[in-house]
Amino acid sequence: MKNYLLAHGFGFTNDYWRKLTPLLGGEIYFFDSPDLDSSKTYIGIGHSLGFLKLNNSGLKFETLVALQGFLNYCGSSGRMRKIREIALQKMRNKIIENKNESLRQFRIFCGYDAPITTDTALQMLLSELEMMEHSYQHCGVKTLVIGSADDLIVPMSIINDNFANLNDVTILQLDSGRHALGYLYPKLIARKILDSKLCPNI
């Protein structure tokens, strides 16, 4: 039995995974669980910022899957960084002004229509936005990165900027999915993960 460790992205909750988890066929654990067992070896699946959290966690992974994930949200080129840093600052201001409405609009923009049922602390959201200002090293675990051609939050230009030159990383581009692949296309994503050569023992 495989152990899957799931980490949702900024502005989401573990409800993001509810359509995908029944299709994986293993034990399901969540990264934000207070009693997470650090002695286990996991197959990590991270959505957006969730991938970065898994990558930086120091936990043991057989493999990692990044659903629209990143290591450097703002990108490495000067013009790209400037544009995305400005967008992050605008998001920060909106969150401070009206947290719940800003999150609701962000989710809709991502293609995620589930209502907000969990009150996420403002300081945690601001801390996560700060994480997205920096660049991080890949942990070296074999990784499948799945992106979407119509994702405006983590576009393929960022995914290629972050991962294209790394060893043991496979990039897969899907035609659509906005910024909610695991929620909108759970059957397709489960199939891509289970069929991946990075996960030969699943």
N, C-alpha and C. Protein backbone atom coordinates (compact mmCIF):
# COMPACT_ATOMS: atom_id res chain seq x y z
N MET A 1 0.84 -1.20 0.00
CA MET A 1 0.00 0.00 0.00
C MET A 1 0.88 1.25 0.00
N LYS A 2 0.61 2.15 -0.93
CA LYS A 2 1.39 3.37 -1.03
C LYS A 2 0.86 4.44 -0.10
N ASN A 3 1.77 5.27 0.39
CA ASN A 3 1.41 6.39 1.25
C ASN A 3 1.49 7.68 0.45
N TYR A 4 0.36 8.33 0.26
CA TYR A 4 0.32 9.60 -0.47
C TYR A 4 0.25 10.75 0.52
N LEU A 5 1.10 11.72 0.31
CA LEU A 5 1.07 12.93 1.13
C LEU A 5 0.68 14.10 0.24
N LEU A 6 -0.44 14.74 0.56
CA LEU A 6 -1.00 15.79 -0.28
C LEU A 6 -0.88 17.15 0.40
N ALA A 7 -0.50 18.14 -0.39
CA ALA A 7 -0.36 19.51 0.13
C ALA A 7 -1.06 20.46 -0.83
N HIS A 8 -2.07 21.15 -0.35
CA HIS A 8 -2.83 22.07 -1.20
C HIS A 8 -2.11 23.41 -1.36
N GLY A 9 -2.55 24.17 -2.32
CA GLY A 9 -1.91 25.44 -2.63
C GLY A 9 -2.46 26.61 -1.85
N PHE A 10 -1.90 27.78 -2.10
CA PHE A 10 -2.32 29.01 -1.45
C PHE A 10 -3.80 29.27 -1.71
N GLY A 11 -4.52 29.62 -0.63
CA GLY A 11 -5.92 29.97 -0.74
C GLY A 11 -6.87 28.80 -0.82
N PHE A 12 -6.35 27.58 -0.78
CA PHE A 12 -7.18 26.39 -0.86
C PHE A 12 -7.18 25.67 0.49
N THR A 13 -7.98 24.61 0.56
CA THR A 13 -7.99 23.71 1.72
C THR A 13 -7.90 22.28 1.18
N ASN A 14 -7.92 21.32 2.07
CA ASN A 14 -7.83 19.92 1.62
C ASN A 14 -9.07 19.46 0.86
N ASP A 15 -10.11 20.27 0.82
CA ASP A 15 -11.26 19.96 -0.01
C ASP A 15 -10.87 19.90 -1.49
N TYR A 16 -9.79 20.61 -1.83
CA TYR A 16 -9.28 20.58 -3.21
C TYR A 16 -9.06 19.15 -3.69
N TRP A 17 -8.71 18.24 -2.77
CA TRP A 17 -8.31 16.88 -3.13
C TRP A 17 -9.46 15.88 -3.14
N ARG A 18 -10.68 16.29 -2.78
CA ARG A 18 -11.73 15.31 -2.51
C ARG A 18 -12.12 14.46 -3.72
N LYS A 19 -11.95 14.98 -4.93
CA LYS A 19 -12.28 14.19 -6.12
C LYS A 19 -11.12 13.28 -6.55
N LEU A 20 -9.91 13.65 -6.19
CA LEU A 20 -8.73 12.91 -6.63
C LEU A 20 -8.38 11.75 -5.71
N THR A 21 -8.51 11.94 -4.42
CA THR A 21 -8.02 10.93 -3.47
C THR A 21 -8.66 9.55 -3.65
N PRO A 22 -9.96 9.42 -3.97
CA PRO A 22 -10.51 8.07 -4.13
C PRO A 22 -9.93 7.31 -5.31
N LEU A 23 -9.25 8.02 -6.21
CA LEU A 23 -8.73 7.40 -7.43
C LEU A 23 -7.29 6.92 -7.31
N LEU A 24 -6.63 7.24 -6.21
CA LEU A 24 -5.20 6.94 -6.08
C LEU A 24 -4.92 5.54 -5.55
N GLY A 25 -5.83 5.00 -4.77
CA GLY A 25 -5.68 3.62 -4.33
C GLY A 25 -4.61 3.39 -3.28
N GLY A 26 -4.42 4.31 -2.37
CA GLY A 26 -3.44 4.13 -1.31
C GLY A 26 -3.88 4.82 -0.04
N GLU A 27 -3.00 4.86 0.94
CA GLU A 27 -3.28 5.59 2.17
C GLU A 27 -3.06 7.09 1.92
N ILE A 28 -3.99 7.90 2.36
CA ILE A 28 -3.95 9.34 2.12
C ILE A 28 -3.61 10.09 3.39
N TYR A 29 -2.62 10.96 3.30
CA TYR A 29 -2.23 11.83 4.42
C TYR A 29 -2.16 13.27 3.90
N PHE A 30 -2.35 14.20 4.83
CA PHE A 30 -2.33 15.61 4.46
C PHE A 30 -1.17 16.32 5.16
N PHE A 31 -0.49 17.15 4.41
CA PHE A 31 0.71 17.82 4.90
C PHE A 31 0.43 18.69 6.12
N ASP A 32 -0.76 19.28 6.19
CA ASP A 32 -1.05 20.18 7.31
C ASP A 32 -1.67 19.46 8.51
N SER A 33 -1.63 18.12 8.50
CA SER A 33 -2.12 17.36 9.64
C SER A 33 -1.16 17.51 10.82
N PRO A 34 -1.67 17.80 12.02
CA PRO A 34 -0.79 18.00 13.18
C PRO A 34 -0.06 16.74 13.63
N ASP A 35 -0.59 15.57 13.25
CA ASP A 35 0.04 14.32 13.68
C ASP A 35 0.69 13.57 12.52
N LEU A 36 1.20 14.31 11.55
CA LEU A 36 1.85 13.70 10.40
C LEU A 36 3.06 12.87 10.84
N ASP A 37 3.16 11.65 10.32
CA ASP A 37 4.23 10.72 10.68
C ASP A 37 5.45 10.97 9.79
N SER A 38 6.49 11.53 10.36
CA SER A 38 7.68 11.87 9.58
C SER A 38 8.58 10.67 9.32
N SER A 39 8.24 9.51 9.87
CA SER A 39 9.06 8.32 9.65
C SER A 39 8.67 7.58 8.38
N LYS A 40 7.51 7.89 7.82
CA LYS A 40 7.04 7.21 6.61
C LYS A 40 7.73 7.76 5.36
N THR A 41 7.71 6.96 4.32
CA THR A 41 8.15 7.41 3.00
C THR A 41 6.90 7.59 2.14
N TYR A 42 6.80 8.75 1.51
CA TYR A 42 5.57 9.12 0.82
C TYR A 42 5.77 9.29 -0.68
N ILE A 43 4.66 9.24 -1.39
CA ILE A 43 4.55 9.83 -2.72
C ILE A 43 3.90 11.17 -2.49
N GLY A 44 4.63 12.23 -2.72
CA GLY A 44 4.13 13.56 -2.42
C GLY A 44 3.46 14.17 -3.63
N ILE A 45 2.27 14.71 -3.43
CA ILE A 45 1.55 15.42 -4.49
C ILE A 45 1.22 16.80 -3.97
N GLY A 46 1.80 17.82 -4.59
CA GLY A 46 1.60 19.17 -4.13
C GLY A 46 0.99 20.04 -5.21
N HIS A 47 -0.05 20.76 -4.84
CA HIS A 47 -0.67 21.71 -5.76
C HIS A 47 -0.08 23.08 -5.52
N SER A 48 0.49 23.69 -6.56
CA SER A 48 0.98 25.07 -6.50
C SER A 48 1.98 25.23 -5.34
N LEU A 49 1.70 26.12 -4.40
CA LEU A 49 2.59 26.33 -3.26
C LEU A 49 2.77 25.05 -2.44
N GLY A 50 1.78 24.17 -2.49
CA GLY A 50 1.88 22.91 -1.75
C GLY A 50 3.07 22.09 -2.18
N PHE A 51 3.40 22.12 -3.48
CA PHE A 51 4.59 21.41 -3.92
C PHE A 51 5.84 21.98 -3.26
N LEU A 52 5.93 23.29 -3.20
CA LEU A 52 7.10 23.92 -2.59
C LEU A 52 7.23 23.50 -1.13
N LYS A 53 6.12 23.41 -0.43
CA LYS A 53 6.16 22.98 0.97
C LYS A 53 6.67 21.56 1.11
N LEU A 54 6.23 20.68 0.22
CA LEU A 54 6.73 19.30 0.24
C LEU A 54 8.22 19.27 -0.08
N ASN A 55 8.60 20.00 -1.11
CA ASN A 55 9.99 20.06 -1.54
C ASN A 55 10.91 20.51 -0.41
N ASN A 56 10.45 21.45 0.39
CA ASN A 56 11.27 22.03 1.46
C ASN A 56 11.14 21.31 2.80
N SER A 57 10.30 20.29 2.86
CA SER A 57 9.93 19.70 4.16
C SER A 57 11.00 18.85 4.81
N GLY A 58 11.89 18.25 4.02
CA GLY A 58 12.87 17.32 4.57
C GLY A 58 12.31 15.93 4.80
N LEU A 59 11.06 15.69 4.43
CA LEU A 59 10.45 14.37 4.56
C LEU A 59 10.99 13.42 3.50
N LYS A 60 10.73 12.13 3.66
CA LYS A 60 11.20 11.12 2.72
C LYS A 60 10.14 10.85 1.66
N PHE A 61 10.55 10.93 0.39
CA PHE A 61 9.63 10.71 -0.71
C PHE A 61 10.20 9.69 -1.69
N GLU A 62 9.33 8.81 -2.19
CA GLU A 62 9.70 7.96 -3.33
C GLU A 62 9.77 8.82 -4.58
N THR A 63 8.80 9.69 -4.71
CA THR A 63 8.71 10.59 -5.85
C THR A 63 7.81 11.75 -5.47
N LEU A 64 7.89 12.81 -6.26
CA LEU A 64 7.05 13.98 -6.04
C LEU A 64 6.27 14.29 -7.31
N VAL A 65 5.08 14.80 -7.13
CA VAL A 65 4.26 15.28 -8.25
C VAL A 65 3.90 16.73 -7.96
N ALA A 66 4.21 17.60 -8.89
CA ALA A 66 3.87 19.02 -8.76
C ALA A 66 2.72 19.33 -9.71
N LEU A 67 1.54 19.54 -9.14
CA LEU A 67 0.41 19.98 -9.95
C LEU A 67 0.46 21.50 -10.01
N GLN A 68 0.95 22.01 -11.12
CA GLN A 68 1.07 23.46 -11.30
C GLN A 68 1.92 24.06 -10.17
N GLY A 69 2.97 23.32 -9.82
CA GLY A 69 3.85 23.74 -8.74
C GLY A 69 5.02 24.56 -9.24
N PHE A 70 5.82 25.03 -8.30
CA PHE A 70 6.95 25.91 -8.64
C PHE A 70 8.01 25.85 -7.56
N LEU A 71 9.20 26.30 -7.92
CA LEU A 71 10.30 26.53 -6.98
C LEU A 71 10.61 28.02 -6.85
N ASN A 72 10.22 28.76 -7.86
CA ASN A 72 10.49 30.21 -7.92
C ASN A 72 9.28 30.86 -8.58
N TYR A 73 8.31 31.25 -7.78
CA TYR A 73 7.03 31.72 -8.29
C TYR A 73 7.18 32.92 -9.22
N CYS A 74 8.11 33.80 -8.91
CA CYS A 74 8.27 35.02 -9.70
C CYS A 74 9.14 34.83 -10.93
N GLY A 75 9.84 33.71 -11.02
CA GLY A 75 10.68 33.46 -12.18
C GLY A 75 12.04 34.12 -12.09
N SER A 76 12.92 33.73 -12.99
CA SER A 76 14.32 34.17 -12.89
C SER A 76 14.65 35.38 -13.75
N SER A 77 13.86 35.63 -14.79
CA SER A 77 14.18 36.76 -15.66
C SER A 77 13.67 38.07 -15.06
N GLY A 78 14.39 39.16 -15.34
CA GLY A 78 14.07 40.44 -14.71
C GLY A 78 12.66 40.92 -14.98
N ARG A 79 12.24 40.94 -16.24
CA ARG A 79 10.91 41.44 -16.59
C ARG A 79 9.82 40.54 -15.99
N MET A 80 10.01 39.23 -16.09
CA MET A 80 9.05 38.29 -15.54
C MET A 80 8.88 38.51 -14.04
N ARG A 81 10.02 38.64 -13.34
CA ARG A 81 9.98 38.82 -11.89
C ARG A 81 9.24 40.11 -11.52
N LYS A 82 9.52 41.17 -12.21
CA LYS A 82 8.91 42.45 -11.87
C LYS A 82 7.40 42.39 -11.97
N ILE A 83 6.90 41.81 -13.06
CA ILE A 83 5.46 41.70 -13.27
C ILE A 83 4.81 40.85 -12.18
N ARG A 84 5.43 39.74 -11.84
CA ARG A 84 4.84 38.82 -10.87
C ARG A 84 4.99 39.32 -9.45
N GLU A 85 6.05 40.05 -9.16
CA GLU A 85 6.19 40.66 -7.84
C GLU A 85 5.12 41.72 -7.62
N ILE A 86 4.80 42.48 -8.66
CA ILE A 86 3.72 43.48 -8.56
C ILE A 86 2.38 42.79 -8.31
N ALA A 87 2.15 41.67 -9.01
CA ALA A 87 0.91 40.91 -8.82
C ALA A 87 0.81 40.37 -7.39
N LEU A 88 1.92 39.90 -6.85
CA LEU A 88 1.93 39.41 -5.47
C LEU A 88 1.59 40.54 -4.49
N GLN A 89 2.14 41.72 -4.71
CA GLN A 89 1.86 42.85 -3.84
C GLN A 89 0.39 43.24 -3.90
N LYS A 90 -0.20 43.20 -5.08
CA LYS A 90 -1.62 43.50 -5.23
C LYS A 90 -2.46 42.47 -4.48
N MET A 91 -2.07 41.20 -4.59
CA MET A 91 -2.78 40.14 -3.88
C MET A 91 -2.68 40.34 -2.37
N ARG A 92 -1.50 40.70 -1.90
CA ARG A 92 -1.30 40.95 -0.47
C ARG A 92 -2.21 42.07 0.02
N ASN A 93 -2.29 43.14 -0.75
CA ASN A 93 -3.13 44.27 -0.36
C ASN A 93 -4.61 43.88 -0.32
N LYS A 94 -5.04 43.08 -1.30
CA LYS A 94 -6.43 42.64 -1.34
C LYS A 94 -6.76 41.74 -0.15
N ILE A 95 -5.83 40.85 0.17
CA ILE A 95 -6.04 39.93 1.30
C ILE A 95 -6.18 40.72 2.60
N ILE A 96 -5.34 41.72 2.78
CA ILE A 96 -5.40 42.54 4.00
C ILE A 96 -6.71 43.32 4.05
N GLU A 97 -7.15 43.82 2.92
CA GLU A 97 -8.36 44.64 2.87
C GLU A 97 -9.63 43.82 3.11
N ASN A 98 -9.72 42.66 2.46
CA ASN A 98 -10.92 41.82 2.61
C ASN A 98 -10.52 40.38 2.30
N LYS A 99 -10.12 39.67 3.33
CA LYS A 99 -9.54 38.34 3.16
C LYS A 99 -10.49 37.37 2.45
N ASN A 100 -11.67 37.17 2.98
CA ASN A 100 -12.57 36.15 2.45
C ASN A 100 -13.03 36.45 1.03
N GLU A 101 -13.34 37.71 0.74
CA GLU A 101 -13.78 38.05 -0.61
C GLU A 101 -12.63 37.89 -1.61
N SER A 102 -11.43 38.25 -1.19
CA SER A 102 -10.27 38.09 -2.06
C SER A 102 -10.00 36.62 -2.37
N LEU A 103 -10.12 35.77 -1.36
CA LEU A 103 -9.92 34.35 -1.57
C LEU A 103 -11.01 33.77 -2.46
N ARG A 104 -12.24 34.23 -2.27
CA ARG A 104 -13.34 33.76 -3.11
C ARG A 104 -13.09 34.10 -4.57
N GLN A 105 -12.69 35.32 -4.84
CA GLN A 105 -12.41 35.73 -6.21
C GLN A 105 -11.21 35.00 -6.79
N PHE A 106 -10.20 34.77 -5.96
CA PHE A 106 -9.01 34.03 -6.41
C PHE A 106 -9.38 32.61 -6.81
N ARG A 107 -10.19 31.96 -6.00
CA ARG A 107 -10.59 30.59 -6.31
C ARG A 107 -11.38 30.52 -7.61
N ILE A 108 -12.30 31.45 -7.80
CA ILE A 108 -13.08 31.48 -9.03
C ILE A 108 -12.15 31.66 -10.23
N PHE A 109 -11.18 32.54 -10.10
CA PHE A 109 -10.23 32.78 -11.18
C PHE A 109 -9.44 31.51 -11.49
N CYS A 110 -9.18 30.71 -10.47
CA CYS A 110 -8.44 29.46 -10.64
C CYS A 110 -9.28 28.36 -11.28
N GLY A 111 -10.61 28.54 -11.30
CA GLY A 111 -11.49 27.51 -11.81
C GLY A 111 -12.03 26.59 -10.73
N TYR A 112 -11.94 27.03 -9.48
CA TYR A 112 -12.34 26.22 -8.32
C TYR A 112 -13.60 26.84 -7.72
N ASP A 113 -14.73 26.11 -7.79
CA ASP A 113 -16.01 26.70 -7.41
C ASP A 113 -16.51 26.31 -6.02
N ALA A 114 -15.71 25.59 -5.26
CA ALA A 114 -16.15 25.17 -3.93
C ALA A 114 -16.19 26.37 -2.98
N PRO A 115 -17.19 26.44 -2.11
CA PRO A 115 -17.29 27.57 -1.18
C PRO A 115 -16.21 27.53 -0.12
N ILE A 116 -15.92 28.68 0.46
CA ILE A 116 -14.95 28.76 1.55
C ILE A 116 -15.63 28.32 2.84
N THR A 117 -15.16 27.24 3.43
CA THR A 117 -15.76 26.72 4.67
C THR A 117 -14.78 26.75 5.84
N THR A 118 -13.53 27.06 5.56
CA THR A 118 -12.50 27.10 6.61
C THR A 118 -11.90 28.50 6.66
N ASP A 119 -11.79 29.03 7.86
CA ASP A 119 -11.22 30.37 8.03
C ASP A 119 -9.71 30.25 8.20
N THR A 120 -8.98 30.60 7.16
CA THR A 120 -7.52 30.56 7.21
C THR A 120 -7.00 31.85 7.82
N ALA A 121 -6.07 31.72 8.75
CA ALA A 121 -5.54 32.88 9.46
C ALA A 121 -4.86 33.84 8.49
N LEU A 122 -5.11 35.12 8.68
CA LEU A 122 -4.52 36.15 7.82
C LEU A 122 -3.00 36.05 7.82
N GLN A 123 -2.40 35.87 8.99
CA GLN A 123 -0.95 35.83 9.07
C GLN A 123 -0.36 34.66 8.28
N MET A 124 -1.06 33.54 8.26
CA MET A 124 -0.59 32.40 7.47
C MET A 124 -0.61 32.73 5.99
N LEU A 125 -1.68 33.37 5.53
CA LEU A 125 -1.77 33.74 4.12
C LEU A 125 -0.66 34.71 3.74
N LEU A 126 -0.41 35.68 4.59
CA LEU A 126 0.65 36.65 4.30
C LEU A 126 2.02 35.98 4.30
N SER A 127 2.21 35.03 5.22
CA SER A 127 3.47 34.30 5.27
C SER A 127 3.68 33.47 4.00
N GLU A 128 2.61 32.87 3.49
CA GLU A 128 2.72 32.08 2.26
C GLU A 128 3.02 32.98 1.06
N LEU A 129 2.41 34.15 1.01
CA LEU A 129 2.73 35.08 -0.07
C LEU A 129 4.19 35.51 -0.01
N GLU A 130 4.72 35.65 1.19
CA GLU A 130 6.13 36.00 1.33
C GLU A 130 7.02 34.87 0.81
N MET A 131 6.63 33.61 1.08
CA MET A 131 7.39 32.47 0.55
C MET A 131 7.51 32.55 -0.96
N MET A 132 6.47 33.04 -1.60
CA MET A 132 6.40 33.06 -3.05
C MET A 132 7.29 34.14 -3.67
N GLU A 133 7.89 34.97 -2.84
CA GLU A 133 8.80 35.99 -3.34
C GLU A 133 10.21 35.45 -3.58
N HIS A 134 10.49 34.25 -3.06
CA HIS A 134 11.86 33.74 -3.05
C HIS A 134 12.03 32.53 -3.95
N SER A 135 13.27 32.18 -4.20
CA SER A 135 13.61 31.03 -5.02
C SER A 135 14.18 29.93 -4.14
N TYR A 136 13.86 28.67 -4.47
CA TYR A 136 14.28 27.53 -3.66
C TYR A 136 14.92 26.46 -4.54
N GLN A 137 15.78 25.65 -3.94
CA GLN A 137 16.44 24.57 -4.65
C GLN A 137 15.55 23.33 -4.68
N HIS A 138 15.61 22.62 -5.78
CA HIS A 138 14.89 21.35 -5.87
C HIS A 138 15.54 20.33 -4.95
N CYS A 139 14.73 19.55 -4.28
CA CYS A 139 15.25 18.62 -3.27
C CYS A 139 15.96 17.41 -3.88
N GLY A 140 15.84 17.20 -5.18
CA GLY A 140 16.55 16.11 -5.84
C GLY A 140 15.75 14.84 -6.03
N VAL A 141 14.54 14.80 -5.49
CA VAL A 141 13.69 13.63 -5.66
C VAL A 141 13.08 13.64 -7.06
N LYS A 142 12.96 12.47 -7.68
CA LYS A 142 12.33 12.40 -8.99
C LYS A 142 10.96 13.06 -8.96
N THR A 143 10.70 13.91 -9.93
CA THR A 143 9.51 14.75 -9.88
C THR A 143 8.81 14.79 -11.23
N LEU A 144 7.49 14.64 -11.18
CA LEU A 144 6.63 14.85 -12.34
C LEU A 144 5.92 16.19 -12.15
N VAL A 145 6.12 17.10 -13.07
CA VAL A 145 5.47 18.41 -13.01
C VAL A 145 4.39 18.46 -14.08
N ILE A 146 3.15 18.70 -13.66
CA ILE A 146 2.03 18.78 -14.59
C ILE A 146 1.50 20.20 -14.59
N GLY A 147 1.49 20.82 -15.75
CA GLY A 147 1.00 22.18 -15.88
C GLY A 147 -0.12 22.26 -16.90
N SER A 148 -0.71 23.45 -16.99
CA SER A 148 -1.82 23.67 -17.90
C SER A 148 -1.53 24.87 -18.79
N ALA A 149 -1.85 24.73 -20.08
CA ALA A 149 -1.58 25.80 -21.04
C ALA A 149 -2.39 27.06 -20.75
N ASP A 150 -3.53 26.92 -20.05
CA ASP A 150 -4.36 28.08 -19.78
C ASP A 150 -4.28 28.55 -18.32
N ASP A 151 -3.25 28.12 -17.62
CA ASP A 151 -3.05 28.54 -16.23
C ASP A 151 -2.37 29.90 -16.20
N LEU A 152 -3.05 30.90 -15.63
CA LEU A 152 -2.49 32.25 -15.54
C LEU A 152 -1.82 32.50 -14.20
N ILE A 153 -1.99 31.60 -13.24
CA ILE A 153 -1.36 31.75 -11.92
C ILE A 153 0.07 31.20 -11.97
N VAL A 154 0.22 29.98 -12.40
CA VAL A 154 1.55 29.38 -12.61
C VAL A 154 1.60 28.92 -14.07
N PRO A 155 1.86 29.84 -14.99
CA PRO A 155 1.86 29.50 -16.42
C PRO A 155 3.02 28.57 -16.77
N MET A 156 2.94 27.99 -17.94
CA MET A 156 3.98 27.08 -18.38
C MET A 156 5.32 27.79 -18.49
N SER A 157 5.31 29.09 -18.74
CA SER A 157 6.58 29.83 -18.80
C SER A 157 7.31 29.77 -17.46
N ILE A 158 6.59 29.81 -16.35
CA ILE A 158 7.20 29.70 -15.02
C ILE A 158 7.65 28.27 -14.78
N ILE A 159 6.81 27.30 -15.12
CA ILE A 159 7.18 25.90 -14.93
C ILE A 159 8.45 25.57 -15.71
N ASN A 160 8.52 25.99 -16.94
CA ASN A 160 9.73 25.72 -17.73
C ASN A 160 10.94 26.47 -17.18
N ASP A 161 10.72 27.70 -16.75
CA ASP A 161 11.79 28.49 -16.14
C ASP A 161 12.35 27.79 -14.90
N ASN A 162 11.47 27.20 -14.10
CA ASN A 162 11.86 26.59 -12.83
C ASN A 162 12.46 25.19 -12.98
N PHE A 163 11.94 24.40 -13.93
CA PHE A 163 12.23 22.97 -13.93
C PHE A 163 12.95 22.43 -15.17
N ALA A 164 12.93 23.16 -16.26
CA ALA A 164 13.38 22.59 -17.54
C ALA A 164 14.82 22.10 -17.52
N ASN A 165 15.67 22.71 -16.73
CA ASN A 165 17.10 22.35 -16.72
C ASN A 165 17.49 21.43 -15.57
N LEU A 166 16.50 20.87 -14.87
CA LEU A 166 16.80 20.01 -13.72
C LEU A 166 16.79 18.54 -14.13
N ASN A 167 17.69 17.77 -13.54
CA ASN A 167 17.71 16.34 -13.74
C ASN A 167 16.57 15.69 -12.95
N ASP A 168 16.14 14.54 -13.41
CA ASP A 168 15.10 13.76 -12.73
C ASP A 168 13.79 14.50 -12.60
N VAL A 169 13.52 15.42 -13.52
CA VAL A 169 12.25 16.13 -13.56
C VAL A 169 11.62 15.95 -14.94
N THR A 170 10.38 15.53 -14.97
CA THR A 170 9.61 15.39 -16.21
C THR A 170 8.49 16.42 -16.20
N ILE A 171 8.35 17.18 -17.27
CA ILE A 171 7.31 18.21 -17.38
C ILE A 171 6.25 17.74 -18.36
N LEU A 172 5.01 17.81 -17.94
CA LEU A 172 3.88 17.42 -18.77
C LEU A 172 2.92 18.60 -18.87
N GLN A 173 2.59 19.01 -20.08
CA GLN A 173 1.66 20.12 -20.28
C GLN A 173 0.32 19.60 -20.77
N LEU A 174 -0.75 20.01 -20.09
CA LEU A 174 -2.11 19.71 -20.52
C LEU A 174 -2.71 20.95 -21.16
N ASP A 175 -3.71 20.74 -22.00
CA ASP A 175 -4.28 21.86 -22.74
C ASP A 175 -5.08 22.81 -21.87
N SER A 176 -5.79 22.29 -20.88
CA SER A 176 -6.64 23.14 -20.04
C SER A 176 -6.64 22.64 -18.61
N GLY A 177 -7.21 23.44 -17.74
CA GLY A 177 -7.24 23.08 -16.33
C GLY A 177 -7.13 24.29 -15.43
N ARG A 178 -6.91 25.46 -16.07
CA ARG A 178 -6.73 26.72 -15.33
C ARG A 178 -5.74 26.48 -14.19
N HIS A 179 -6.07 26.81 -12.94
CA HIS A 179 -5.12 26.55 -11.85
C HIS A 179 -5.72 25.57 -10.84
N ALA A 180 -6.48 24.60 -11.37
CA ALA A 180 -7.15 23.66 -10.47
C ALA A 180 -7.22 22.27 -11.10
N LEU A 181 -6.12 21.80 -11.65
CA LEU A 181 -6.10 20.53 -12.36
C LEU A 181 -6.62 19.37 -11.53
N GLY A 182 -6.15 19.26 -10.29
CA GLY A 182 -6.53 18.13 -9.46
C GLY A 182 -7.99 18.11 -9.09
N TYR A 183 -8.61 19.26 -9.15
CA TYR A 183 -10.03 19.39 -8.82
C TYR A 183 -10.90 19.25 -10.06
N LEU A 184 -10.49 19.86 -11.16
CA LEU A 184 -11.30 19.86 -12.38
C LEU A 184 -11.18 18.57 -13.17
N TYR A 185 -9.99 17.97 -13.17
CA TYR A 185 -9.75 16.77 -13.97
C TYR A 185 -9.13 15.65 -13.13
N PRO A 186 -9.81 15.22 -12.09
CA PRO A 186 -9.21 14.21 -11.19
C PRO A 186 -8.90 12.89 -11.87
N LYS A 187 -9.76 12.42 -12.76
CA LYS A 187 -9.51 11.13 -13.42
C LYS A 187 -8.28 11.22 -14.32
N LEU A 188 -8.16 12.30 -15.06
CA LEU A 188 -7.00 12.47 -15.93
C LEU A 188 -5.72 12.58 -15.11
N ILE A 189 -5.76 13.37 -14.05
CA ILE A 189 -4.56 13.55 -13.22
C ILE A 189 -4.17 12.25 -12.54
N ALA A 190 -5.14 11.52 -12.03
CA ALA A 190 -4.83 10.23 -11.40
C ALA A 190 -4.18 9.30 -12.40
N ARG A 191 -4.69 9.28 -13.62
CA ARG A 191 -4.12 8.41 -14.65
C ARG A 191 -2.70 8.82 -15.00
N LYS A 192 -2.46 10.13 -15.12
CA LYS A 192 -1.12 10.61 -15.44
C LYS A 192 -0.13 10.24 -14.33
N ILE A 193 -0.58 10.33 -13.09
CA ILE A 193 0.30 10.00 -11.96
C ILE A 193 0.56 8.49 -11.93
N LEU A 194 -0.49 7.69 -12.06
CA LEU A 194 -0.34 6.25 -11.96
C LEU A 194 0.42 5.66 -13.15
N ASP A 195 0.32 6.29 -14.31
CA ASP A 195 1.02 5.80 -15.50
C ASP A 195 2.44 6.32 -15.61
N SER A 196 2.81 7.25 -14.74
CA SER A 196 4.11 7.90 -14.86
C SER A 196 5.25 6.92 -14.64
N LYS A 197 6.28 7.03 -15.46
CA LYS A 197 7.47 6.20 -15.29
C LYS A 197 8.24 6.57 -14.05
N LEU A 198 7.92 7.75 -13.47
CA LEU A 198 8.57 8.14 -12.22
C LEU A 198 8.02 7.37 -11.04
N CYS A 199 6.88 6.71 -11.24
CA CYS A 199 6.24 5.98 -10.16
C CYS A 199 6.05 4.52 -10.56
N PRO A 200 7.12 3.80 -10.83
CA PRO A 200 6.99 2.46 -11.40
C PRO A 200 6.36 1.46 -10.47
N ASN A 201 6.39 1.71 -9.17
CA ASN A 201 5.89 0.73 -8.22
C ASN A 201 4.48 1.02 -7.73
N ILE A 202 3.84 2.07 -8.26
CA ILE A 202 2.50 2.40 -7.81
C ILE A 202 1.51 1.39 -8.36
